[in-house]
């Protein structure tokens, strides 16, 4: 079971449940004191930083150094080093790292060009599939696209799917 402890506003000591004195000022601010001594010093306007037994004094004069030294333990950082991974050996990684940016850019452009050509080829095939159908069927498909807006055409199986009305039209002729 965890007990909810509070701190004394004057001394900084822990106050366990059922202990301490609560003082409510006229501006509705609540002060909690560990004992009558702390309450008396507070009302007499003594500064907690002047009394050697308060937490504030001990903090200002660095009296709890032993506990802070334990917290300030340093971690050793591991230095990065290169090693081979599943896809590539160390030699391949080193070669890619030392390769000039011009060579890298040229390889990237070649790959992009190849991808664009592949996309263009598939678009041309789709267009050729559309143009191979008779004029009447092409007009029907174009009006469906114009009216519905979202129509999926599968040229391989000659089927038009209309998404908004959930029907499909077979383009067999």
Protein backbone atom coordinates (compact mmCIF):
# COMPACT_ATOMS: atom_id res chain seq x y z
CA UNK A 1 0.00 0.00 0.00
CA UNK A 2 1.34 3.42 -0.96
CA UNK A 3 0.83 6.29 1.46
CA UNK A 4 0.33 9.73 -0.03
CA UNK A 5 2.80 11.98 1.74
CA UNK A 6 2.83 15.77 1.50
CA UNK A 7 5.65 18.25 2.16
CA UNK A 8 5.84 20.80 4.95
CA UNK A 9 5.73 24.34 3.54
CA UNK A 10 8.36 25.51 6.00
CA UNK A 11 10.83 22.69 6.66
CA UNK A 12 10.30 20.54 3.55
CA UNK A 13 9.82 17.41 5.69
CA UNK A 14 7.46 14.60 4.67
CA UNK A 15 4.04 14.65 6.34
CA UNK A 16 2.22 11.32 6.51
CA UNK A 17 -1.59 11.00 6.53
CA UNK A 18 -3.15 11.96 9.88
CA UNK A 19 -0.16 14.12 10.85
CA UNK A 20 0.65 17.80 10.47
CA UNK A 21 -1.19 21.10 10.89
CA UNK A 22 -3.20 22.73 8.12
CA UNK A 23 -3.40 26.55 8.02
CA UNK A 24 -5.72 28.39 5.61
CA UNK A 25 -4.86 32.04 5.03
CA UNK A 26 -7.52 34.72 4.37
CA UNK A 27 -6.75 34.56 0.63
CA UNK A 28 -7.74 30.82 0.73
CA UNK A 29 -4.17 29.58 0.34
CA UNK A 30 -3.54 26.34 2.25
CA UNK A 31 -0.27 25.79 4.16
CA UNK A 32 0.68 22.41 5.62
CA UNK A 33 3.16 22.25 8.50
CA UNK A 34 4.91 19.19 9.96
CA UNK A 35 4.54 20.38 13.59
CA UNK A 36 3.81 23.41 15.78
CA UNK A 37 7.46 24.48 15.66
CA UNK A 38 7.30 24.91 11.85
CA UNK A 39 3.95 26.71 12.16
CA UNK A 40 5.33 29.08 14.82
CA UNK A 41 8.44 29.93 12.79
CA UNK A 42 6.28 30.55 9.70
CA UNK A 43 3.96 32.95 11.57
CA UNK A 44 6.96 34.75 13.09
CA UNK A 45 8.22 35.23 9.53
CA UNK A 46 11.50 33.41 9.96
CA UNK A 47 13.21 32.39 6.75
CA UNK A 48 13.66 28.62 6.32
CA UNK A 49 16.96 29.29 4.50
CA UNK A 50 18.43 30.68 7.75
CA UNK A 51 17.66 27.58 9.87
CA UNK A 52 20.15 24.75 9.48
CA UNK A 53 17.66 21.90 9.90
CA UNK A 54 15.33 22.84 6.98
CA UNK A 55 15.49 21.29 3.52
CA UNK A 56 15.96 24.71 1.91
CA UNK A 57 19.09 25.45 3.98
CA UNK A 58 20.58 22.02 3.22
CA UNK A 59 19.95 22.48 -0.50
CA UNK A 60 21.45 26.00 -0.58
CA UNK A 61 24.56 24.88 1.30
CA UNK A 62 24.97 21.64 -0.71
CA UNK A 63 24.71 19.33 2.29
CA UNK A 64 23.23 16.33 0.42
CA UNK A 65 26.20 15.85 -1.92
CA UNK A 66 26.51 12.10 -1.21
CA UNK A 67 23.10 11.36 -2.75
CA UNK A 68 23.71 13.57 -5.81
CA UNK A 69 27.04 11.86 -6.53
CA UNK A 70 25.24 8.53 -6.89
CA UNK A 71 22.81 10.01 -9.42
CA UNK A 72 25.55 11.55 -11.60
CA UNK A 73 26.93 8.25 -12.84
CA UNK A 74 28.13 8.56 -16.42
CA UNK A 75 27.26 6.19 -19.19
CA UNK A 76 29.89 5.16 -21.67
CA UNK A 77 28.74 5.70 -25.25
CA UNK A 78 29.57 3.05 -27.79
CA UNK A 79 31.54 4.29 -30.78
CA UNK A 80 29.87 3.57 -34.13
CA UNK A 81 31.55 1.06 -36.41
CA UNK A 82 30.71 -0.45 -39.78
CA UNK A 83 29.70 -4.06 -40.21
CA UNK A 84 27.94 -6.12 -42.84
CA UNK A 85 24.17 -6.54 -42.76
CA UNK A 86 21.82 -9.12 -44.28
CA UNK A 87 21.47 -7.49 -47.72
CA UNK A 88 25.06 -6.36 -48.24
CA UNK A 89 28.59 -7.25 -47.25
CA UNK A 90 30.99 -4.74 -45.75
CA UNK A 91 32.83 -4.32 -49.09
CA UNK A 92 29.58 -3.40 -50.89
CA UNK A 93 28.68 -0.89 -48.18
CA UNK A 94 32.16 0.71 -48.31
CA UNK A 95 31.99 0.91 -52.13
CA UNK A 96 28.59 2.67 -52.00
CA UNK A 97 29.86 5.05 -49.34
CA UNK A 98 32.93 6.07 -51.38
CA UNK A 99 31.04 6.29 -54.69
CA UNK A 100 30.84 9.79 -56.18
CA UNK A 101 27.53 11.73 -56.14
CA UNK A 102 27.52 12.03 -59.96
CA UNK A 103 27.53 8.24 -60.34
CA UNK A 104 24.78 7.93 -57.73
CA UNK A 105 22.65 10.58 -59.49
CA UNK A 106 23.13 8.88 -62.86
CA UNK A 107 22.00 5.52 -61.43
CA UNK A 108 18.96 7.16 -59.84
CA UNK A 109 17.99 8.88 -63.11
CA UNK A 110 18.36 5.62 -65.04
CA UNK A 111 16.10 3.82 -62.55
CA UNK A 112 13.51 6.63 -62.73
CA UNK A 113 13.61 6.57 -66.54
CA UNK A 114 13.03 2.79 -66.54
CA UNK A 115 10.06 3.13 -64.15
CA UNK A 116 8.51 5.92 -66.26
CA UNK A 117 8.90 3.83 -69.43
CA UNK A 118 7.19 0.88 -67.73
CA UNK A 119 4.28 3.10 -66.60
CA UNK A 120 3.95 4.61 -70.08
CA UNK A 121 3.95 1.13 -71.63
CA UNK A 122 1.09 -0.05 -69.37
CA UNK A 123 -0.89 3.13 -70.14
CA UNK A 124 -0.42 2.57 -73.88
CA UNK A 125 -1.61 -1.05 -73.49
CA UNK A 126 -4.74 0.12 -71.64
CA UNK A 127 -5.42 2.74 -74.31
CA UNK A 128 -4.98 0.14 -77.06
CA UNK A 129 -7.39 -2.16 -75.22
CA UNK A 130 -9.98 0.63 -75.06
CA UNK A 131 -9.59 1.53 -78.73
CA UNK A 132 -9.93 -2.12 -79.81
CA UNK A 133 -13.61 -2.11 -78.74
CA UNK A 134 -16.35 -0.94 -81.12
CA UNK A 135 -17.41 2.70 -81.11
CA UNK A 136 -20.81 2.07 -79.43
CA UNK A 137 -19.27 0.32 -76.41
CA UNK A 138 -16.65 3.08 -76.07
CA UNK A 139 -19.43 5.68 -76.01
CA UNK A 140 -21.30 3.74 -73.27
CA UNK A 141 -18.16 3.55 -71.14
CA UNK A 142 -17.39 7.26 -71.66
CA UNK A 143 -20.92 8.28 -70.64
CA UNK A 144 -20.68 6.06 -67.54
CA UNK A 145 -17.39 7.70 -66.60
CA UNK A 146 -18.88 11.15 -67.25
CA UNK A 147 -22.10 10.49 -65.28
CA UNK A 148 -20.77 8.43 -62.37
CA UNK A 149 -17.29 9.85 -62.06
CA UNK A 150 -15.85 6.76 -60.38
CA UNK A 151 -15.90 3.76 -62.72
CA UNK A 152 -13.32 0.98 -62.76
CA UNK A 153 -12.74 -0.63 -66.16
CA UNK A 154 -11.08 -4.04 -66.35
CA UNK A 155 -10.08 -4.45 -70.01
CA UNK A 156 -8.63 -7.94 -69.56
CA UNK A 157 -12.01 -9.45 -68.60
CA UNK A 158 -14.03 -6.84 -70.57
CA UNK A 159 -16.05 -5.69 -67.54
CA UNK A 160 -17.04 -2.18 -66.38
CA UNK A 161 -17.59 -1.82 -62.62
CA UNK A 162 -19.70 1.16 -61.50
CA UNK A 163 -18.89 1.78 -57.84
CA UNK A 164 -21.70 4.20 -56.91
CA UNK A 165 -24.60 1.96 -58.07
CA UNK A 166 -22.88 -1.41 -57.46
CA UNK A 167 -23.39 -2.91 -60.91
CA UNK A 168 -21.12 -4.18 -63.62
CA UNK A 169 -21.55 -4.25 -67.39
CA UNK A 170 -20.03 -6.99 -69.52
CA UNK A 171 -18.43 -5.63 -72.69
CA UNK A 172 -18.76 -8.76 -74.80
CA UNK A 173 -19.63 -8.03 -78.45
